[in-house]
Amino acid sequence: MLAPTVDMPTRHTAEIRYVTAVEGDDLTLNRHTEDSVPMQVKPGWRVMASATAKTFSNIEQAIGLKADTADIPDVAGKADTTTSTLASLPSRQPLMS
């Protein structure tokens, strides 16, 4: 998200964007994402990575697709945490200000 430094970011003062590439200090962004209003960005605006409404709806959808607990054995305390990597994360993360 991008927003002026003088305001608390809101849907009316900030624009939600997605980072599609990073090269050094340069970011390539998709504009007008999640129905946010395109803003004329000025020097000094804040860039912030944060959860958006779409982030939470994606999480809710993923939870809804998970197997019912009756379909799987009790695995409390038995999760394999050694195979998780950052490479498994989606490459498009919301950029928030």
N, C-alpha and C. Protein backbone atom coordinates (compact mmCIF):
# COMPACT_ATOMS: atom_id res chain seq x y z
N MET A 1 0.84 -1.15 0.00
CA MET A 1 0.00 0.00 0.00
C MET A 1 0.89 1.23 0.00
N LEU A 2 0.47 2.25 -0.70
CA LEU A 2 1.17 3.54 -0.72
C LEU A 2 0.24 4.60 -0.17
N ALA A 3 0.76 5.47 0.68
CA ALA A 3 -0.06 6.53 1.27
C ALA A 3 0.83 7.70 1.70
N PRO A 4 0.24 8.92 1.76
CA PRO A 4 1.02 10.06 2.24
C PRO A 4 1.42 9.85 3.69
N THR A 5 2.53 10.45 4.09
CA THR A 5 3.02 10.27 5.45
C THR A 5 2.20 11.02 6.48
N VAL A 6 1.41 12.00 6.07
CA VAL A 6 0.65 12.80 7.03
C VAL A 6 -0.66 12.15 7.44
N ASP A 7 -1.13 11.18 6.70
CA ASP A 7 -2.43 10.57 6.98
C ASP A 7 -2.28 9.12 7.43
N MET A 8 -3.22 8.69 8.25
CA MET A 8 -3.34 7.27 8.54
C MET A 8 -3.94 6.64 7.28
N PRO A 9 -3.33 5.60 6.72
CA PRO A 9 -3.85 5.02 5.49
C PRO A 9 -5.29 4.53 5.65
N THR A 10 -6.13 4.93 4.72
CA THR A 10 -7.51 4.44 4.64
C THR A 10 -7.79 4.09 3.19
N ARG A 11 -8.94 3.54 2.92
CA ARG A 11 -9.27 3.20 1.53
C ARG A 11 -9.40 4.44 0.66
N HIS A 12 -9.54 5.62 1.27
CA HIS A 12 -9.69 6.86 0.50
C HIS A 12 -8.37 7.62 0.35
N THR A 13 -7.36 7.28 1.16
CA THR A 13 -6.09 8.02 1.10
C THR A 13 -4.92 7.15 0.66
N ALA A 14 -5.15 5.89 0.39
CA ALA A 14 -4.05 4.99 0.04
C ALA A 14 -4.42 4.15 -1.17
N GLU A 15 -3.40 3.64 -1.82
CA GLU A 15 -3.61 2.75 -2.97
C GLU A 15 -2.94 1.42 -2.69
N ILE A 16 -3.70 0.34 -2.85
CA ILE A 16 -3.15 -1.00 -2.69
C ILE A 16 -2.48 -1.39 -4.00
N ARG A 17 -1.26 -1.87 -3.88
CA ARG A 17 -0.50 -2.31 -5.06
C ARG A 17 0.17 -3.65 -4.74
N TYR A 18 0.48 -4.39 -5.81
CA TYR A 18 1.21 -5.65 -5.65
C TYR A 18 2.61 -5.49 -6.23
N VAL A 19 3.61 -5.97 -5.51
CA VAL A 19 4.98 -5.97 -6.01
C VAL A 19 5.12 -7.16 -6.95
N THR A 20 5.56 -6.89 -8.18
CA THR A 20 5.75 -7.98 -9.15
C THR A 20 7.22 -8.26 -9.41
N ALA A 21 8.10 -7.32 -9.02
CA ALA A 21 9.54 -7.53 -9.19
C ALA A 21 10.30 -6.58 -8.27
N VAL A 22 11.48 -7.03 -7.84
CA VAL A 22 12.36 -6.19 -7.02
C VAL A 22 13.74 -6.28 -7.62
N GLU A 23 14.34 -5.12 -7.88
CA GLU A 23 15.71 -5.08 -8.37
C GLU A 23 16.44 -3.98 -7.62
N GLY A 24 17.29 -4.37 -6.68
CA GLY A 24 17.97 -3.38 -5.84
C GLY A 24 16.93 -2.63 -5.00
N ASP A 25 16.92 -1.31 -5.13
CA ASP A 25 15.95 -0.48 -4.42
C ASP A 25 14.71 -0.19 -5.24
N ASP A 26 14.62 -0.74 -6.45
CA ASP A 26 13.49 -0.47 -7.35
C ASP A 26 12.43 -1.55 -7.24
N LEU A 27 11.17 -1.14 -7.13
CA LEU A 27 10.03 -2.06 -7.09
C LEU A 27 9.21 -1.88 -8.36
N THR A 28 8.76 -2.98 -8.94
CA THR A 28 7.80 -2.94 -10.03
C THR A 28 6.46 -3.30 -9.42
N LEU A 29 5.45 -2.46 -9.67
CA LEU A 29 4.16 -2.59 -8.99
C LEU A 29 3.01 -2.73 -9.97
N ASN A 30 2.01 -3.52 -9.59
CA ASN A 30 0.71 -3.51 -10.27
C ASN A 30 -0.14 -2.48 -9.56
N ARG A 31 -0.78 -1.59 -10.33
CA ARG A 31 -1.60 -0.54 -9.73
C ARG A 31 -3.06 -0.92 -9.73
N HIS A 32 -3.83 -0.16 -8.95
CA HIS A 32 -5.30 -0.26 -8.91
C HIS A 32 -5.74 -1.69 -8.57
N THR A 33 -5.09 -2.29 -7.56
CA THR A 33 -5.45 -3.64 -7.15
C THR A 33 -6.51 -3.59 -6.06
N GLU A 34 -7.27 -4.64 -5.94
CA GLU A 34 -8.34 -4.76 -4.94
C GLU A 34 -9.29 -3.57 -4.97
N ASP A 35 -9.56 -3.07 -6.16
CA ASP A 35 -10.49 -1.95 -6.36
C ASP A 35 -10.06 -0.67 -5.65
N SER A 36 -8.77 -0.54 -5.34
CA SER A 36 -8.31 0.72 -4.74
C SER A 36 -8.23 1.78 -5.83
N VAL A 37 -8.33 3.02 -5.43
CA VAL A 37 -8.32 4.14 -6.37
C VAL A 37 -6.87 4.52 -6.67
N PRO A 38 -6.49 4.58 -7.95
CA PRO A 38 -5.11 4.98 -8.29
C PRO A 38 -4.82 6.39 -7.75
N MET A 39 -3.67 6.52 -7.13
CA MET A 39 -3.26 7.80 -6.54
C MET A 39 -2.02 8.33 -7.27
N GLN A 40 -1.88 9.65 -7.28
CA GLN A 40 -0.66 10.25 -7.80
C GLN A 40 0.35 10.26 -6.65
N VAL A 41 1.32 9.36 -6.74
CA VAL A 41 2.30 9.20 -5.66
C VAL A 41 3.31 10.33 -5.72
N LYS A 42 3.61 10.88 -4.56
CA LYS A 42 4.53 12.00 -4.46
C LYS A 42 5.73 11.58 -3.61
N PRO A 43 6.85 12.29 -3.75
CA PRO A 43 8.02 11.97 -2.91
C PRO A 43 7.66 11.99 -1.43
N GLY A 44 8.18 11.04 -0.70
CA GLY A 44 7.95 10.97 0.74
C GLY A 44 6.79 10.08 1.14
N TRP A 45 6.03 9.55 0.19
CA TRP A 45 4.94 8.65 0.55
C TRP A 45 5.50 7.40 1.20
N ARG A 46 4.71 6.80 2.09
CA ARG A 46 5.09 5.57 2.78
C ARG A 46 4.76 4.35 1.93
N VAL A 47 5.61 3.35 2.05
CA VAL A 47 5.38 2.04 1.44
C VAL A 47 5.31 1.05 2.59
N MET A 48 4.24 0.26 2.64
CA MET A 48 4.08 -0.68 3.75
C MET A 48 3.51 -1.99 3.24
N ALA A 49 4.10 -3.08 3.65
CA ALA A 49 3.55 -4.40 3.37
C ALA A 49 2.64 -4.75 4.52
N SER A 50 1.39 -5.05 4.21
CA SER A 50 0.42 -5.33 5.26
C SER A 50 -0.69 -6.20 4.70
N ALA A 51 -1.45 -6.76 5.60
CA ALA A 51 -2.61 -7.57 5.19
C ALA A 51 -3.73 -6.66 4.71
N THR A 52 -4.42 -7.09 3.68
CA THR A 52 -5.57 -6.36 3.14
C THR A 52 -6.81 -7.23 3.30
N ALA A 53 -7.95 -6.70 2.92
CA ALA A 53 -9.19 -7.48 2.97
C ALA A 53 -9.05 -8.75 2.12
N LYS A 54 -8.39 -8.63 0.97
CA LYS A 54 -8.20 -9.80 0.10
C LYS A 54 -7.30 -10.84 0.76
N THR A 55 -6.30 -10.39 1.51
CA THR A 55 -5.45 -11.33 2.24
C THR A 55 -6.29 -12.20 3.17
N PHE A 56 -7.18 -11.54 3.92
CA PHE A 56 -8.00 -12.29 4.87
C PHE A 56 -9.03 -13.18 4.16
N SER A 57 -9.61 -12.71 3.06
CA SER A 57 -10.56 -13.56 2.35
C SER A 57 -9.85 -14.76 1.73
N ASN A 58 -8.60 -14.58 1.27
CA ASN A 58 -7.82 -15.71 0.76
C ASN A 58 -7.53 -16.73 1.86
N ILE A 59 -7.23 -16.25 3.06
CA ILE A 59 -6.99 -17.15 4.20
C ILE A 59 -8.26 -17.90 4.54
N GLU A 60 -9.39 -17.19 4.60
CA GLU A 60 -10.66 -17.84 4.90
C GLU A 60 -10.99 -18.90 3.86
N GLN A 61 -10.74 -18.59 2.59
CA GLN A 61 -11.01 -19.55 1.53
C GLN A 61 -10.11 -20.77 1.67
N ALA A 62 -8.84 -20.56 1.99
CA ALA A 62 -7.92 -21.68 2.15
C ALA A 62 -8.33 -22.57 3.32
N ILE A 63 -8.77 -21.94 4.41
CA ILE A 63 -9.23 -22.72 5.57
C ILE A 63 -10.46 -23.53 5.20
N GLY A 64 -11.36 -22.93 4.41
CA GLY A 64 -12.56 -23.63 3.98
C GLY A 64 -12.26 -24.84 3.11
N LEU A 65 -11.12 -24.83 2.42
CA LEU A 65 -10.75 -25.94 1.54
C LEU A 65 -10.01 -27.06 2.27
N LYS A 66 -9.61 -26.80 3.52
CA LYS A 66 -8.89 -27.81 4.28
C LYS A 66 -9.80 -28.99 4.62
N ALA A 67 -9.17 -30.12 4.85
CA ALA A 67 -9.92 -31.32 5.21
C ALA A 67 -10.58 -31.15 6.57
N ASP A 68 -11.71 -31.77 6.75
CA ASP A 68 -12.40 -31.76 8.04
C ASP A 68 -11.53 -32.53 9.04
N THR A 69 -11.53 -32.10 10.28
CA THR A 69 -10.69 -32.77 11.28
C THR A 69 -11.04 -34.24 11.44
N ALA A 70 -12.27 -34.62 11.13
CA ALA A 70 -12.65 -36.03 11.22
C ALA A 70 -11.97 -36.87 10.14
N ASP A 71 -11.49 -36.19 9.08
CA ASP A 71 -10.86 -36.91 7.97
C ASP A 71 -9.38 -37.18 8.18
N ILE A 72 -8.78 -36.58 9.19
CA ILE A 72 -7.35 -36.75 9.42
C ILE A 72 -7.10 -37.21 10.85
N PRO A 73 -6.00 -37.94 11.08
CA PRO A 73 -5.69 -38.38 12.44
C PRO A 73 -5.25 -37.20 13.30
N ASP A 74 -5.26 -37.38 14.60
CA ASP A 74 -4.81 -36.33 15.51
C ASP A 74 -3.31 -36.13 15.33
N VAL A 75 -2.93 -34.93 14.91
CA VAL A 75 -1.51 -34.66 14.65
C VAL A 75 -0.98 -33.56 15.56
N ALA A 76 -1.69 -33.25 16.61
CA ALA A 76 -1.25 -32.19 17.52
C ALA A 76 0.15 -32.48 18.02
N GLY A 77 1.05 -31.52 17.83
CA GLY A 77 2.42 -31.68 18.29
C GLY A 77 3.28 -32.54 17.39
N LYS A 78 2.73 -33.03 16.29
CA LYS A 78 3.48 -33.92 15.41
C LYS A 78 3.74 -33.30 14.04
N ALA A 79 3.50 -32.01 13.88
CA ALA A 79 3.68 -31.36 12.58
C ALA A 79 5.15 -31.33 12.19
N ASP A 80 5.41 -31.58 10.92
CA ASP A 80 6.78 -31.53 10.39
C ASP A 80 7.06 -30.09 9.97
N THR A 81 7.84 -29.37 10.76
CA THR A 81 8.15 -27.98 10.46
C THR A 81 9.49 -27.84 9.75
N THR A 82 10.14 -28.95 9.43
CA THR A 82 11.46 -28.87 8.81
C THR A 82 11.39 -28.67 7.31
N THR A 83 10.22 -28.84 6.68
CA THR A 83 10.16 -28.74 5.22
C THR A 83 9.61 -27.41 4.72
N SER A 84 9.18 -26.54 5.60
CA SER A 84 8.66 -25.25 5.16
C SER A 84 9.81 -24.35 4.71
N THR A 85 9.61 -23.70 3.55
CA THR A 85 10.62 -22.78 3.04
C THR A 85 9.95 -21.52 2.53
N LEU A 86 10.72 -20.46 2.44
CA LEU A 86 10.19 -19.23 1.87
C LEU A 86 9.87 -19.40 0.40
N ALA A 87 10.55 -20.32 -0.26
CA ALA A 87 10.31 -20.54 -1.68
C ALA A 87 8.89 -21.03 -1.94
N SER A 88 8.24 -21.59 -0.94
CA SER A 88 6.88 -22.10 -1.13
C SER A 88 5.83 -21.00 -1.03
N LEU A 89 6.23 -19.78 -0.64
CA LEU A 89 5.28 -18.68 -0.54
C LEU A 89 4.97 -18.12 -1.92
N PRO A 90 3.75 -17.58 -2.11
CA PRO A 90 3.42 -16.96 -3.40
C PRO A 90 4.36 -15.80 -3.67
N SER A 91 4.69 -15.58 -4.94
CA SER A 91 5.62 -14.50 -5.28
C SER A 91 4.96 -13.14 -5.27
N ARG A 92 3.65 -13.05 -5.41
CA ARG A 92 2.96 -11.76 -5.40
C ARG A 92 2.39 -11.49 -4.02
N GLN A 93 3.00 -10.59 -3.31
CA GLN A 93 2.53 -10.18 -2.00
C GLN A 93 1.97 -8.77 -2.08
N PRO A 94 0.90 -8.50 -1.34
CA PRO A 94 0.38 -7.15 -1.37
C PRO A 94 1.39 -6.15 -0.81
N LEU A 95 1.48 -5.00 -1.46
CA LEU A 95 2.34 -3.93 -0.97
C LEU A 95 1.44 -2.86 -0.42
N MET A 96 1.59 -2.56 0.85
CA MET A 96 0.69 -1.60 1.49
C MET A 96 1.48 -0.46 2.07
N SER A 97 0.82 0.66 2.22
CA SER A 97 1.47 1.84 2.77
C SER A 97 0.75 2.28 4.02
